[in-house]
Amino acid sequence: CLAGARARFALGLSGGSLVSMLARELPAAAAPAGPASLARWTVGFCDERLVPFEHAESTYGLYRTHLLSRLPIPDSQVITINPQLPVEEAAEDYAKKLRQ
């Protein structure tokens, strides 16, 4: 449970086998905290690839399909790359979003 009106929780997710493990365990583990607590989460991705979100190599795409669709975390609290940008611009844009 996040105490205090301004409490936040930031989570950096990597890919690989962590996706399936979290998809299997996290929804049930987070349920007792309730939707209001999950709305305070900010989620980012540690090893995203510059591919469309629908691509099998997209870390965000895998989490969106297998985990985020099952948790009431607002889209505004999920920080993603912009796969439409060239690599350098995408990295700068993502770093800016993370700082905000």
C-alpha atoms as a PDB file:
ATOM      1  CA  CYS A   1       0.000   0.000   0.000  1.00  0.00           C
ATOM      2  CA  LEU A   2       1.279   3.450  -0.873  1.00  0.00           C
ATOM      3  CA  ALA A   3       0.863   5.769   2.079  1.00  0.00           C
ATOM      4  CA  GLY A   4       0.271   9.478   1.679  1.00  0.00           C
ATOM      5  CA  ALA A   5      -1.532  11.394  -1.013  1.00  0.00           C
ATOM      6  CA  ARG A   6       1.663  12.108  -2.978  1.00  0.00           C
ATOM      7  CA  ALA A   7       3.254   8.650  -2.706  1.00  0.00           C
ATOM      8  CA  ARG A   8       4.480   7.193  -6.009  1.00  0.00           C
ATOM      9  CA  PHE A   9       5.967   3.879  -7.095  1.00  0.00           C
ATOM     10  CA  ALA A  10       8.302   3.685 -10.098  1.00  0.00           C
ATOM     11  CA  LEU A  11       8.991   0.350 -11.763  1.00  0.00           C
ATOM     12  CA  GLY A  12      11.589  -0.278 -14.474  1.00  0.00           C
ATOM     13  CA  LEU A  13      10.829  -3.456 -16.405  1.00  0.00           C
ATOM     14  CA  SER A  14      13.193  -5.531 -18.502  1.00  0.00           C
ATOM     15  CA  GLY A  15      12.205  -8.195 -20.978  1.00  0.00           C
ATOM     16  CA  GLY A  16      12.980 -11.874 -21.277  1.00  0.00           C
ATOM     17  CA  SER A  17      11.494 -14.353 -18.827  1.00  0.00           C
ATOM     18  CA  LEU A  18      10.478 -11.541 -16.458  1.00  0.00           C
ATOM     19  CA  VAL A  19       7.473 -10.777 -18.672  1.00  0.00           C
ATOM     20  CA  SER A  20       5.826 -14.164 -18.155  1.00  0.00           C
ATOM     21  CA  MET A  21       6.743 -14.326 -14.459  1.00  0.00           C
ATOM     22  CA  LEU A  22       5.235 -10.911 -13.708  1.00  0.00           C
ATOM     23  CA  ALA A  23       2.188 -11.626 -15.883  1.00  0.00           C
ATOM     24  CA  ARG A  24       1.592 -14.750 -13.843  1.00  0.00           C
ATOM     25  CA  GLU A  25       2.201 -13.285 -10.357  1.00  0.00           C
ATOM     26  CA  LEU A  26       1.782  -9.507 -10.261  1.00  0.00           C
ATOM     27  CA  PRO A  27      -1.974  -9.077 -10.889  1.00  0.00           C
ATOM     28  CA  ALA A  28      -2.897 -11.223  -7.879  1.00  0.00           C
ATOM     29  CA  ALA A  29      -0.155  -9.702  -5.717  1.00  0.00           C
ATOM     30  CA  ALA A  30      -1.230  -6.136  -6.555  1.00  0.00           C
ATOM     31  CA  ALA A  31      -4.982  -6.743  -6.226  1.00  0.00           C
ATOM     32  CA  PRO A  32      -5.233  -6.185  -2.446  1.00  0.00           C
ATOM     33  CA  ALA A  33      -3.764  -2.674  -2.841  1.00  0.00           C
ATOM     34  CA  GLY A  34      -6.639  -1.753  -5.155  1.00  0.00           C
ATOM     35  CA  PRO A  35      -6.892   0.317  -8.331  1.00  0.00           C
ATOM     36  CA  ALA A  36      -6.189   3.624  -6.563  1.00  0.00           C
ATOM     37  CA  SER A  37      -2.769   2.354  -5.505  1.00  0.00           C
ATOM     38  CA  LEU A  38      -1.928   1.113  -9.017  1.00  0.00           C
ATOM     39  CA  ALA A  39      -2.836   4.521 -10.425  1.00  0.00           C
ATOM     40  CA  ARG A  40       0.199   5.832  -8.498  1.00  0.00           C
ATOM     41  CA  TRP A  41       2.581   3.517 -10.317  1.00  0.00           C
ATOM     42  CA  THR A  42       4.853   4.780 -13.074  1.00  0.00           C
ATOM     43  CA  VAL A  43       6.206   2.084 -15.372  1.00  0.00           C
ATOM     44  CA  GLY A  44       9.163   2.348 -17.739  1.00  0.00           C
ATOM     45  CA  PHE A  45      11.225  -0.123 -19.735  1.00  0.00           C
ATOM     46  CA  CYS A  46      14.938  -0.820 -19.270  1.00  0.00           C
ATOM     47  CA  ASP A  47      15.785  -2.651 -22.481  1.00  0.00           C
ATOM     48  CA  GLU A  48      13.301  -1.564 -25.133  1.00  0.00           C
ATOM     49  CA  ARG A  49      14.129  -2.033 -28.773  1.00  0.00           C
ATOM     50  CA  LEU A  50      13.323   0.507 -31.456  1.00  0.00           C
ATOM     51  CA  VAL A  51      10.635  -1.548 -33.168  1.00  0.00           C
ATOM     52  CA  PRO A  52       6.865  -1.057 -33.484  1.00  0.00           C
ATOM     53  CA  PHE A  53       4.973  -2.034 -30.331  1.00  0.00           C
ATOM     54  CA  GLU A  54       3.302  -4.894 -32.234  1.00  0.00           C
ATOM     55  CA  HIS A  55       6.707  -6.450 -33.038  1.00  0.00           C
ATOM     56  CA  ALA A  56       7.689  -9.610 -31.116  1.00  0.00           C
ATOM     57  CA  GLU A  57      10.901  -7.862 -29.932  1.00  0.00           C
ATOM     58  CA  SER A  58       9.092  -4.920 -28.282  1.00  0.00           C
ATOM     59  CA  THR A  59       9.417  -5.145 -24.510  1.00  0.00           C
ATOM     60  CA  TYR A  60       6.513  -2.724 -24.054  1.00  0.00           C
ATOM     61  CA  GLY A  61       4.419  -4.677 -26.548  1.00  0.00           C
ATOM     62  CA  LEU A  62       4.931  -7.900 -24.590  1.00  0.00           C
ATOM     63  CA  TYR A  63       4.055  -6.244 -21.289  1.00  0.00           C
ATOM     64  CA  ARG A  64       1.041  -4.496 -22.827  1.00  0.00           C
ATOM     65  CA  THR A  65      -0.311  -7.813 -24.089  1.00  0.00           C
ATOM     66  CA  HIS A  66       0.525 -10.039 -21.139  1.00  0.00           C
ATOM     67  CA  LEU A  67       0.480  -7.782 -18.067  1.00  0.00           C
ATOM     68  CA  LEU A  68      -0.575  -4.153 -18.462  1.00  0.00           C
ATOM     69  CA  SER A  69      -3.897  -5.157 -20.009  1.00  0.00           C
ATOM     70  CA  ARG A  70      -4.654  -6.876 -16.676  1.00  0.00           C
ATOM     71  CA  LEU A  71      -3.715  -4.000 -14.353  1.00  0.00           C
ATOM     72  CA  PRO A  72      -5.544  -0.671 -13.931  1.00  0.00           C
ATOM     73  CA  ILE A  73      -2.426   1.439 -14.463  1.00  0.00           C
ATOM     74  CA  PRO A  74      -3.368   4.539 -16.473  1.00  0.00           C
ATOM     75  CA  ASP A  75      -1.718   4.779 -19.901  1.00  0.00           C
ATOM     76  CA  SER A  76      -0.374   8.183 -18.829  1.00  0.00           C
ATOM     77  CA  GLN A  77       1.686   6.378 -16.166  1.00  0.00           C
ATOM     78  CA  VAL A  78       3.360   4.035 -18.677  1.00  0.00           C
ATOM     79  CA  ILE A  79       6.449   5.618 -20.240  1.00  0.00           C
ATOM     80  CA  THR A  80       7.308   4.313 -23.696  1.00  0.00           C
ATOM     81  CA  ILE A  81       9.677   5.097 -26.496  1.00  0.00           C
ATOM     82  CA  ASN A  82       8.406   6.667 -29.689  1.00  0.00           C
ATOM     83  CA  PRO A  83       9.189   3.979 -32.284  1.00  0.00           C
ATOM     84  CA  GLN A  84       8.496   6.444 -35.104  1.00  0.00           C
ATOM     85  CA  LEU A  85      11.639   8.460 -34.315  1.00  0.00           C
ATOM     86  CA  PRO A  86      15.200   7.751 -35.476  1.00  0.00           C
ATOM     87  CA  VAL A  87      17.262   5.969 -32.819  1.00  0.00           C
ATOM     88  CA  GLU A  88      19.089   9.024 -31.394  1.00  0.00           C
ATOM     89  CA  GLU A  89      15.921  11.101 -31.227  1.00  0.00           C
ATOM     90  CA  ALA A  90      13.985   8.197 -29.701  1.00  0.00           C
ATOM     91  CA  ALA A  91      16.632   7.852 -26.979  1.00  0.00           C
ATOM     92  CA  GLU A  92      16.593  11.597 -26.219  1.00  0.00           C
ATOM     93  CA  ASP A  93      12.787  11.678 -26.196  1.00  0.00           C
ATOM     94  CA  TYR A  94      12.599   8.672 -23.867  1.00  0.00           C
ATOM     95  CA  ALA A  95      15.192  10.151 -21.478  1.00  0.00           C
ATOM     96  CA  LYS A  96      13.177  13.378 -21.372  1.00  0.00           C
ATOM     97  CA  LYS A  97       9.973  11.469 -20.563  1.00  0.00           C
ATOM     98  CA  LEU A  98      11.738   9.576 -17.771  1.00  0.00           C
ATOM     99  CA  ARG A  99      13.009  12.821 -16.211  1.00  0.00           C
ATOM    100  CA  GLN A 100       9.530  14.334 -16.247  1.00  0.00           C
END
